[in-house]
Amino acid sequence: MNDGSKVFRAFVIGAAVGAVLGVLFAPMSGAEMRDNITSTADEVSGNLKRKAEDGMNYAKNLKNKASGKINELLNREKEEGADLS
């Protein structure tokens, strides 16, 4: 066996032992763990949705402000052009 396969084999054995020990010493039952994971995933999903909505609102406000400034500048340019004639 070469060194690479020994390392891979040790990794697989270590992962299996870790999984077994994790199940044996888990502080929650499987149902509790699944409920915990589901509620955490729902919370994270809700937070991401709120952040996305906040970002969209910020972008819309920024667009509206930029549009207003552009219109203001165009109107000012029209007024100044009309004064020169």
PDB file of N, CA and C in Angstrom:
ATOM      1  N   MET A   1       0.836  -1.169   0.000  1.00  0.00           N
ATOM      2  CA  MET A   1       0.000   0.000   0.000  1.00  0.00           C
ATOM      3  C   MET A   1       0.888   1.242   0.000  1.00  0.00           C
ATOM      4  N   ASN A   2       0.519   2.267  -0.841  1.00  0.00           N
ATOM      5  CA  ASN A   2       1.311   3.491  -0.845  1.00  0.00           C
ATOM      6  C   ASN A   2       0.814   4.435   0.249  1.00  0.00           C
ATOM      7  N   ASP A   3       1.547   5.521   0.436  1.00  0.00           N
ATOM      8  CA  ASP A   3       1.218   6.445   1.516  1.00  0.00           C
ATOM      9  C   ASP A   3      -0.147   7.107   1.328  1.00  0.00           C
ATOM     10  N   GLY A   4      -0.513   7.421   0.077  1.00  0.00           N
ATOM     11  CA  GLY A   4      -1.803   8.060  -0.198  1.00  0.00           C
ATOM     12  C   GLY A   4      -2.972   7.197   0.211  1.00  0.00           C
ATOM     13  N   SER A   5      -2.906   5.911  -0.091  1.00  0.00           N
ATOM     14  CA  SER A   5      -4.018   5.027   0.270  1.00  0.00           C
ATOM     15  C   SER A   5      -4.073   4.796   1.780  1.00  0.00           C
ATOM     16  N   LYS A   6      -2.909   4.808   2.451  1.00  0.00           N
ATOM     17  CA  LYS A   6      -2.905   4.679   3.914  1.00  0.00           C
ATOM     18  C   LYS A   6      -3.577   5.885   4.560  1.00  0.00           C
ATOM     19  N   VAL A   7      -3.267   7.061   4.038  1.00  0.00           N
ATOM     20  CA  VAL A   7      -3.873   8.281   4.591  1.00  0.00           C
ATOM     21  C   VAL A   7      -5.376   8.269   4.355  1.00  0.00           C
ATOM     22  N   PHE A   8      -5.797   7.890   3.150  1.00  0.00           N
ATOM     23  CA  PHE A   8      -7.219   7.836   2.840  1.00  0.00           C
ATOM     24  C   PHE A   8      -7.928   6.821   3.730  1.00  0.00           C
ATOM     25  N   ARG A   9      -7.325   5.669   3.907  1.00  0.00           N
ATOM     26  CA  ARG A   9      -7.916   4.629   4.751  1.00  0.00           C
ATOM     27  C   ARG A   9      -8.044   5.115   6.188  1.00  0.00           C
ATOM     28  N   ALA A  10      -7.012   5.772   6.709  1.00  0.00           N
ATOM     29  CA  ALA A  10      -7.056   6.303   8.074  1.00  0.00           C
ATOM     30  C   ALA A  10      -8.152   7.363   8.188  1.00  0.00           C
ATOM     31  N   PHE A  11      -8.303   8.194   7.154  1.00  0.00           N
ATOM     32  CA  PHE A  11      -9.342   9.210   7.156  1.00  0.00           C
ATOM     33  C   PHE A  11     -10.726   8.585   7.223  1.00  0.00           C
ATOM     34  N   VAL A  12     -10.969   7.573   6.403  1.00  0.00           N
ATOM     35  CA  VAL A  12     -12.275   6.911   6.376  1.00  0.00           C
ATOM     36  C   VAL A  12     -12.573   6.247   7.715  1.00  0.00           C
ATOM     37  N   ILE A  13     -11.590   5.569   8.283  1.00  0.00           N
ATOM     38  CA  ILE A  13     -11.787   4.914   9.582  1.00  0.00           C
ATOM     39  C   ILE A  13     -12.061   5.964  10.659  1.00  0.00           C
ATOM     40  N   GLY A  14     -11.303   7.054  10.635  1.00  0.00           N
ATOM     41  CA  GLY A  14     -11.513   8.128  11.612  1.00  0.00           C
ATOM     42  C   GLY A  14     -12.888   8.756  11.485  1.00  0.00           C
ATOM     43  N   ALA A  15     -13.346   8.969  10.258  1.00  0.00           N
ATOM     44  CA  ALA A  15     -14.674   9.535  10.043  1.00  0.00           C
ATOM     45  C   ALA A  15     -15.758   8.591  10.558  1.00  0.00           C
ATOM     46  N   ALA A  16     -15.602   7.295  10.311  1.00  0.00           N
ATOM     47  CA  ALA A  16     -16.583   6.314  10.783  1.00  0.00           C
ATOM     48  C   ALA A  16     -16.621   6.266  12.301  1.00  0.00           C
ATOM     49  N   VAL A  17     -15.456   6.248  12.939  1.00  0.00           N
ATOM     50  CA  VAL A  17     -15.394   6.232  14.405  1.00  0.00           C
ATOM     51  C   VAL A  17     -16.021   7.507  14.965  1.00  0.00           C
ATOM     52  N   GLY A  18     -15.721   8.659  14.337  1.00  0.00           N
ATOM     53  CA  GLY A  18     -16.301   9.931  14.784  1.00  0.00           C
ATOM     54  C   GLY A  18     -17.805   9.940  14.660  1.00  0.00           C
ATOM     55  N   ALA A  19     -18.341   9.402  13.581  1.00  0.00           N
ATOM     56  CA  ALA A  19     -19.790   9.349  13.389  1.00  0.00           C
ATOM     57  C   ALA A  19     -20.447   8.473  14.446  1.00  0.00           C
ATOM     58  N   VAL A  20     -19.855   7.324  14.726  1.00  0.00           N
ATOM     59  CA  VAL A  20     -20.413   6.419  15.742  1.00  0.00           C
ATOM     60  C   VAL A  20     -20.382   7.085  17.110  1.00  0.00           C
ATOM     61  N   LEU A  21     -19.261   7.703  17.466  1.00  0.00           N
ATOM     62  CA  LEU A  21     -19.162   8.373  18.770  1.00  0.00           C
ATOM     63  C   LEU A  21     -20.127   9.555  18.855  1.00  0.00           C
ATOM     64  N   GLY A  22     -20.301  10.260  17.738  1.00  0.00           N
ATOM     65  CA  GLY A  22     -21.237  11.378  17.726  1.00  0.00           C
ATOM     66  C   GLY A  22     -22.660  10.929  17.985  1.00  0.00           C
ATOM     67  N   VAL A  23     -23.047   9.801  17.419  1.00  0.00           N
ATOM     68  CA  VAL A  23     -24.394   9.268  17.644  1.00  0.00           C
ATOM     69  C   VAL A  23     -24.548   8.775  19.080  1.00  0.00           C
ATOM     70  N   LEU A  24     -23.520   8.115  19.593  1.00  0.00           N
ATOM     71  CA  LEU A  24     -23.605   7.582  20.951  1.00  0.00           C
ATOM     72  C   LEU A  24     -23.670   8.672  22.016  1.00  0.00           C
ATOM     73  N   PHE A  25     -22.959   9.768  21.804  1.00  0.00           N
ATOM     74  CA  PHE A  25     -22.878  10.815  22.813  1.00  0.00           C
ATOM     75  C   PHE A  25     -23.682  12.066  22.460  1.00  0.00           C
ATOM     76  N   ALA A  26     -24.576  11.961  21.488  1.00  0.00           N
ATOM     77  CA  ALA A  26     -25.391  13.108  21.092  1.00  0.00           C
ATOM     78  C   ALA A  26     -26.294  13.523  22.248  1.00  0.00           C
ATOM     79  N   PRO A  27     -26.377  14.831  22.516  1.00  0.00           N
ATOM     80  CA  PRO A  27     -27.193  15.297  23.632  1.00  0.00           C
ATOM     81  C   PRO A  27     -28.692  15.284  23.329  1.00  0.00           C
ATOM     82  N   MET A  28     -29.070  15.100  22.072  1.00  0.00           N
ATOM     83  CA  MET A  28     -30.478  15.105  21.689  1.00  0.00           C
ATOM     84  C   MET A  28     -30.824  13.829  20.940  1.00  0.00           C
ATOM     85  N   SER A  29     -32.117  13.523  20.963  1.00  0.00           N
ATOM     86  CA  SER A  29     -32.569  12.381  20.167  1.00  0.00           C
ATOM     87  C   SER A  29     -32.592  12.800  18.705  1.00  0.00           C
ATOM     88  N   GLY A  30     -32.759  11.844  17.841  1.00  0.00           N
ATOM     89  CA  GLY A  30     -32.806  12.133  16.406  1.00  0.00           C
ATOM     90  C   GLY A  30     -33.927  13.088  16.043  1.00  0.00           C
ATOM     91  N   ALA A  31     -35.107  12.882  16.633  1.00  0.00           N
ATOM     92  CA  ALA A  31     -36.250  13.750  16.341  1.00  0.00           C
ATOM     93  C   ALA A  31     -35.977  15.174  16.818  1.00  0.00           C
ATOM     94  N   GLU A  32     -35.396  15.298  18.010  1.00  0.00           N
ATOM     95  CA  GLU A  32     -35.061  16.631  18.526  1.00  0.00           C
ATOM     96  C   GLU A  32     -34.021  17.311  17.636  1.00  0.00           C
ATOM     97  N   MET A  33     -33.045  16.550  17.189  1.00  0.00           N
ATOM     98  CA  MET A  33     -31.992  17.101  16.341  1.00  0.00           C
ATOM     99  C   MET A  33     -32.573  17.571  15.009  1.00  0.00           C
ATOM    100  N   ARG A  34     -33.468  16.764  14.424  1.00  0.00           N
ATOM    101  CA  ARG A  34     -34.090  17.162  13.160  1.00  0.00           C
ATOM    102  C   ARG A  34     -34.932  18.427  13.338  1.00  0.00           C
ATOM    103  N   ASP A  35     -35.686  18.490  14.444  1.00  0.00           N
ATOM    104  CA  ASP A  35     -36.479  19.694  14.725  1.00  0.00           C
ATOM    105  C   ASP A  35     -35.577  20.909  14.898  1.00  0.00           C
ATOM    106  N   ASN A  36     -34.468  20.722  15.590  1.00  0.00           N
ATOM    107  CA  ASN A  36     -33.513  21.806  15.810  1.00  0.00           C
ATOM    108  C   ASN A  36     -32.929  22.281  14.481  1.00  0.00           C
ATOM    109  N   ILE A  37     -32.547  21.341  13.637  1.00  0.00           N
ATOM    110  CA  ILE A  37     -31.981  21.689  12.328  1.00  0.00           C
ATOM    111  C   ILE A  37     -33.026  22.401  11.475  1.00  0.00           C
ATOM    112  N   THR A  38     -34.271  21.916  11.500  1.00  0.00           N
ATOM    113  CA  THR A  38     -35.339  22.534  10.714  1.00  0.00           C
ATOM    114  C   THR A  38     -35.609  23.959  11.179  1.00  0.00           C
ATOM    115  N   SER A  39     -35.704  24.171  12.491  1.00  0.00           N
ATOM    116  CA  SER A  39     -35.984  25.511  12.987  1.00  0.00           C
ATOM    117  C   SER A  39     -34.825  26.464  12.695  1.00  0.00           C
ATOM    118  N   THR A  40     -33.597  25.967  12.802  1.00  0.00           N
ATOM    119  CA  THR A  40     -32.441  26.807  12.481  1.00  0.00           C
ATOM    120  C   THR A  40     -32.428  27.152  11.002  1.00  0.00           C
ATOM    121  N   ALA A  41     -32.732  26.181  10.152  1.00  0.00           N
ATOM    122  CA  ALA A  41     -32.774  26.438   8.707  1.00  0.00           C
ATOM    123  C   ALA A  41     -33.878  27.440   8.369  1.00  0.00           C
ATOM    124  N   ASP A  42     -35.034  27.323   9.022  1.00  0.00           N
ATOM    125  CA  ASP A  42     -36.122  28.269   8.794  1.00  0.00           C
ATOM    126  C   ASP A  42     -35.720  29.680   9.230  1.00  0.00           C
ATOM    127  N   GLU A  43     -35.047  29.762  10.357  1.00  0.00           N
ATOM    128  CA  GLU A  43     -34.597  31.065  10.868  1.00  0.00           C
ATOM    129  C   GLU A  43     -33.588  31.706   9.919  1.00  0.00           C
ATOM    130  N   VAL A  44     -32.630  30.918   9.468  1.00  0.00           N
ATOM    131  CA  VAL A  44     -31.620  31.431   8.534  1.00  0.00           C
ATOM    132  C   VAL A  44     -32.285  31.844   7.220  1.00  0.00           C
ATOM    133  N   SER A  45     -33.210  31.043   6.743  1.00  0.00           N
ATOM    134  CA  SER A  45     -33.926  31.357   5.504  1.00  0.00           C
ATOM    135  C   SER A  45     -34.703  32.661   5.650  1.00  0.00           C
ATOM    136  N   GLY A  46     -35.376  32.835   6.766  1.00  0.00           N
ATOM    137  CA  GLY A  46     -36.116  34.075   7.017  1.00  0.00           C
ATOM    138  C   GLY A  46     -35.190  35.279   7.061  1.00  0.00           C
ATOM    139  N   ASN A  47     -34.049  35.117   7.724  1.00  0.00           N
ATOM    140  CA  ASN A  47     -33.081  36.216   7.794  1.00  0.00           C
ATOM    141  C   ASN A  47     -32.565  36.575   6.407  1.00  0.00           C
ATOM    142  N   LEU A  48     -32.276  35.565   5.596  1.00  0.00           N
ATOM    143  CA  LEU A  48     -31.795  35.823   4.237  1.00  0.00           C
ATOM    144  C   LEU A  48     -32.855  36.527   3.398  1.00  0.00           C
ATOM    145  N   LYS A  49     -34.110  36.120   3.553  1.00  0.00           N
ATOM    146  CA  LYS A  49     -35.185  36.770   2.807  1.00  0.00           C
ATOM    147  C   LYS A  49     -35.321  38.231   3.214  1.00  0.00           C
ATOM    148  N   ARG A  50     -35.243  38.503   4.523  1.00  0.00           N
ATOM    149  CA  ARG A  50     -35.332  39.892   4.997  1.00  0.00           C
ATOM    150  C   ARG A  50     -34.168  40.721   4.480  1.00  0.00           C
ATOM    151  N   LYS A  51     -32.983  40.155   4.496  1.00  0.00           N
ATOM    152  CA  LYS A  51     -31.804  40.869   3.989  1.00  0.00           C
ATOM    153  C   LYS A  51     -31.952  41.147   2.491  1.00  0.00           C
ATOM    154  N   ALA A  52     -32.467  40.184   1.743  1.00  0.00           N
ATOM    155  CA  ALA A  52     -32.670  40.376   0.310  1.00  0.00           C
ATOM    156  C   ALA A  52     -33.699  41.473   0.059  1.00  0.00           C
ATOM    157  N   GLU A  53     -34.783  41.467   0.839  1.00  0.00           N
ATOM    158  CA  GLU A  53     -35.801  42.516   0.698  1.00  0.00           C
ATOM    159  C   GLU A  53     -35.226  43.880   1.046  1.00  0.00           C
ATOM    160  N   ASP A  54     -34.432  43.940   2.110  1.00  0.00           N
ATOM    161  CA  ASP A  54     -33.785  45.204   2.490  1.00  0.00           C
ATOM    162  C   ASP A  54     -32.874  45.696   1.371  1.00  0.00           C
ATOM    163  N   GLY A  55     -32.127  44.787   0.778  1.00  0.00           N
ATOM    164  CA  GLY A  55     -31.239  45.146  -0.318  1.00  0.00           C
ATOM    165  C   GLY A  55     -32.012  45.651  -1.528  1.00  0.00           C
ATOM    166  N   MET A  56     -33.124  45.006  -1.835  1.00  0.00           N
ATOM    167  CA  MET A  56     -33.952  45.437  -2.968  1.00  0.00           C
ATOM    168  C   MET A  56     -34.543  46.824  -2.702  1.00  0.00           C
ATOM    169  N   ASN A  57     -35.018  47.046  -1.485  1.00  0.00           N
ATOM    170  CA  ASN A  57     -35.565  48.362  -1.138  1.00  0.00           C
ATOM    171  C   ASN A  57     -34.488  49.435  -1.215  1.00  0.00           C
ATOM    172  N   TYR A  58     -33.307  49.122  -0.739  1.00  0.00           N
ATOM    173  CA  TYR A  58     -32.196  50.076  -0.807  1.00  0.00           C
ATOM    174  C   TYR A  58     -31.871  50.407  -2.265  1.00  0.00           C
ATOM    175  N   ALA A  59     -31.832  49.384  -3.112  1.00  0.00           N
ATOM    176  CA  ALA A  59     -31.531  49.604  -4.530  1.00  0.00           C
ATOM    177  C   ALA A  59     -32.628  50.442  -5.190  1.00  0.00           C
ATOM    178  N   LYS A  60     -33.889  50.188  -4.866  1.00  0.00           N
ATOM    179  CA  LYS A  60     -34.989  50.967  -5.434  1.00  0.00           C
ATOM    180  C   LYS A  60     -34.895  52.425  -4.999  1.00  0.00           C
ATOM    181  N   ASN A  61     -34.612  52.642  -3.709  1.00  0.00           N
ATOM    182  CA  ASN A  61     -34.474  54.013  -3.214  1.00  0.00           C
ATOM    183  C   ASN A  61     -33.308  54.718  -3.890  1.00  0.00           C
ATOM    184  N   LEU A  62     -32.209  54.023  -4.047  1.00  0.00           N
ATOM    185  CA  LEU A  62     -31.043  54.602  -4.705  1.00  0.00           C
ATOM    186  C   LEU A  62     -31.361  54.949  -6.154  1.00  0.00           C
ATOM    187  N   LYS A  63     -32.082  54.076  -6.839  1.00  0.00           N
ATOM    188  CA  LYS A  63     -32.491  54.328  -8.228  1.00  0.00           C
ATOM    189  C   LYS A  63     -33.386  55.556  -8.305  1.00  0.00           C
ATOM    190  N   ASN A  64     -34.346  55.636  -7.382  1.00  0.00           N
ATOM    191  CA  ASN A  64     -35.256  56.782  -7.386  1.00  0.00           C
ATOM    192  C   ASN A  64     -34.514  58.089  -7.116  1.00  0.00           C
ATOM    193  N   LYS A  65     -33.573  58.080  -6.183  1.00  0.00           N
ATOM    194  CA  LYS A  65     -32.782  59.276  -5.893  1.00  0.00           C
ATOM    195  C   LYS A  65     -31.956  59.674  -7.110  1.00  0.00           C
ATOM    196  N   ALA A  66     -31.316  58.696  -7.747  1.00  0.00           N
ATOM    197  CA  ALA A  66     -30.498  58.986  -8.924  1.00  0.00           C
ATOM    198  C   ALA A  66     -31.373  59.519 -10.053  1.00  0.00           C
ATOM    199  N   SER A  67     -32.528  58.942 -10.251  1.00  0.00           N
ATOM    200  CA  SER A  67     -33.446  59.391 -11.290  1.00  0.00           C
ATOM    201  C   SER A  67     -33.896  60.825 -11.018  1.00  0.00           C
ATOM    202  N   GLY A  68     -34.209  61.121  -9.775  1.00  0.00           N
ATOM    203  CA  GLY A  68     -34.604  62.481  -9.398  1.00  0.00           C
ATOM    204  C   GLY A  68     -33.493  63.483  -9.665  1.00  0.00           C
ATOM    205  N   LYS A  69     -32.259  63.141  -9.310  1.00  0.00           N
ATOM    206  CA  LYS A  69     -31.122  64.031  -9.553  1.00  0.00           C
ATOM    207  C   LYS A  69     -30.906  64.252 -11.042  1.00  0.00           C
ATOM    208  N   ILE A  70     -31.028  63.197 -11.830  1.00  0.00           N
ATOM    209  CA  ILE A  70     -30.855  63.318 -13.276  1.00  0.00           C
ATOM    210  C   ILE A  70     -31.926  64.231 -13.860  1.00  0.00           C
ATOM    211  N   ASN A  71     -33.170  64.029 -13.435  1.00  0.00           N
ATOM    212  CA  ASN A  71     -34.252  64.893 -13.922  1.00  0.00           C
ATOM    213  C   ASN A  71     -34.023  66.342 -13.512  1.00  0.00           C
ATOM    214  N   GLU A  72     -33.568  66.539 -12.297  1.00  0.00           N
ATOM    215  CA  GLU A  72     -33.261  67.885 -11.813  1.00  0.00           C
ATOM    216  C   GLU A  72     -32.183  68.541 -12.678  1.00  0.00           C
ATOM    217  N   LEU A  73     -31.133  67.799 -12.967  1.00  0.00           N
ATOM    218  CA  LEU A  73     -30.058  68.335 -13.811  1.00  0.00           C
ATOM    219  C   LEU A  73     -30.542  68.618 -15.232  1.00  0.00           C
ATOM    220  N   LEU A  74     -31.353  67.735 -15.780  1.00  0.00           N
ATOM    221  CA  LEU A  74     -31.887  67.951 -17.130  1.00  0.00           C
ATOM    222  C   LEU A  74     -32.783  69.183 -17.173  1.00  0.00           C
ATOM    223  N   ASN A  75     -33.627  69.355 -16.172  1.00  0.00           N
ATOM    224  CA  ASN A  75     -34.497  70.531 -16.117  1.00  0.00           C
ATOM    225  C   ASN A  75     -33.677  71.808 -15.983  1.00  0.00           C
ATOM    226  N   ARG A  76     -32.654  71.763 -15.147  1.00  0.00           N
ATOM    227  CA  ARG A  76     -31.786  72.920 -14.977  1.00  0.00           C
ATOM    228  C   ARG A  76     -31.084  73.255 -16.294  1.00  0.00           C
ATOM    229  N   GLU A  77     -30.639  72.223 -16.994  1.00  0.00           N
ATOM    230  CA  GLU A  77     -29.969  72.418 -18.291  1.00  0.00           C
ATOM    231  C   GLU A  77     -30.934  73.029 -19.302  1.00  0.00           C
ATOM    232  N   LYS A  78     -32.184  72.570 -19.318  1.00  0.00           N
ATOM    233  CA  LYS A  78     -33.188  73.121 -20.227  1.00  0.00           C
ATOM    234  C   LYS A  78     -33.440  74.592 -19.916  1.00  0.00           C
ATOM    235  N   GLU A  79     -33.568  74.918 -18.610  1.00  0.00           N
ATOM    236  CA  GLU A  79     -33.803  76.298 -18.202  1.00  0.00           C
ATOM    237  C   GLU A  79     -32.642  77.206 -18.590  1.00  0.00           C
ATOM    238  N   GLU A  80     -31.433  76.739 -18.387  1.00  0.00           N
ATOM    239  CA  GLU A  80     -30.272  77.537 -18.735  1.00  0.00           C
ATOM    240  C   GLU A  80     -30.159  77.703 -20.251  1.00  0.00           C
ATOM    241  N   GLY A  81     -30.508  76.676 -21.001  1.00  0.00           N
ATOM    242  CA  GLY A  81     -30.497  76.758 -22.459  1.00  0.00           C
ATOM    243  C   GLY A  81     -31.555  77.716 -22.962  1.00  0.00           C
ATOM    244  N   ALA A  82     -32.715  77.759 -22.324  1.00  0.00           N
ATOM    245  CA  ALA A  82     -33.787  78.669 -22.717  1.00  0.00           C
ATOM    246  C   ALA A  82     -33.403  80.112 -22.390  1.00  0.00           C
ATOM    247  N   ASP A  83     -32.650  80.358 -21.317  1.00  0.00           N
ATOM    248  CA  ASP A  83     -32.227  81.702 -20.939  1.00  0.00           C
ATOM    249  C   ASP A  83     -31.216  82.262 -21.915  1.00  0.00           C
ATOM    250  N   LEU A  84     -30.418  81.433 -22.567  1.00  0.00           N
ATOM    251  CA  LEU A  84     -29.374  81.888 -23.480  1.00  0.00           C
ATOM    252  C   LEU A  84     -29.937  82.330 -24.812  1.00  0.00           C
ATOM    253  N   SER A  85     -31.109  81.872 -25.220  1.00  0.00           N
ATOM    254  CA  SER A  85     -31.610  82.228 -26.538  1.00  0.00           C
ATOM    255  C   SER A  85     -32.243  83.584 -26.583  1.00  0.00           C
TER     256      SER A  85
END
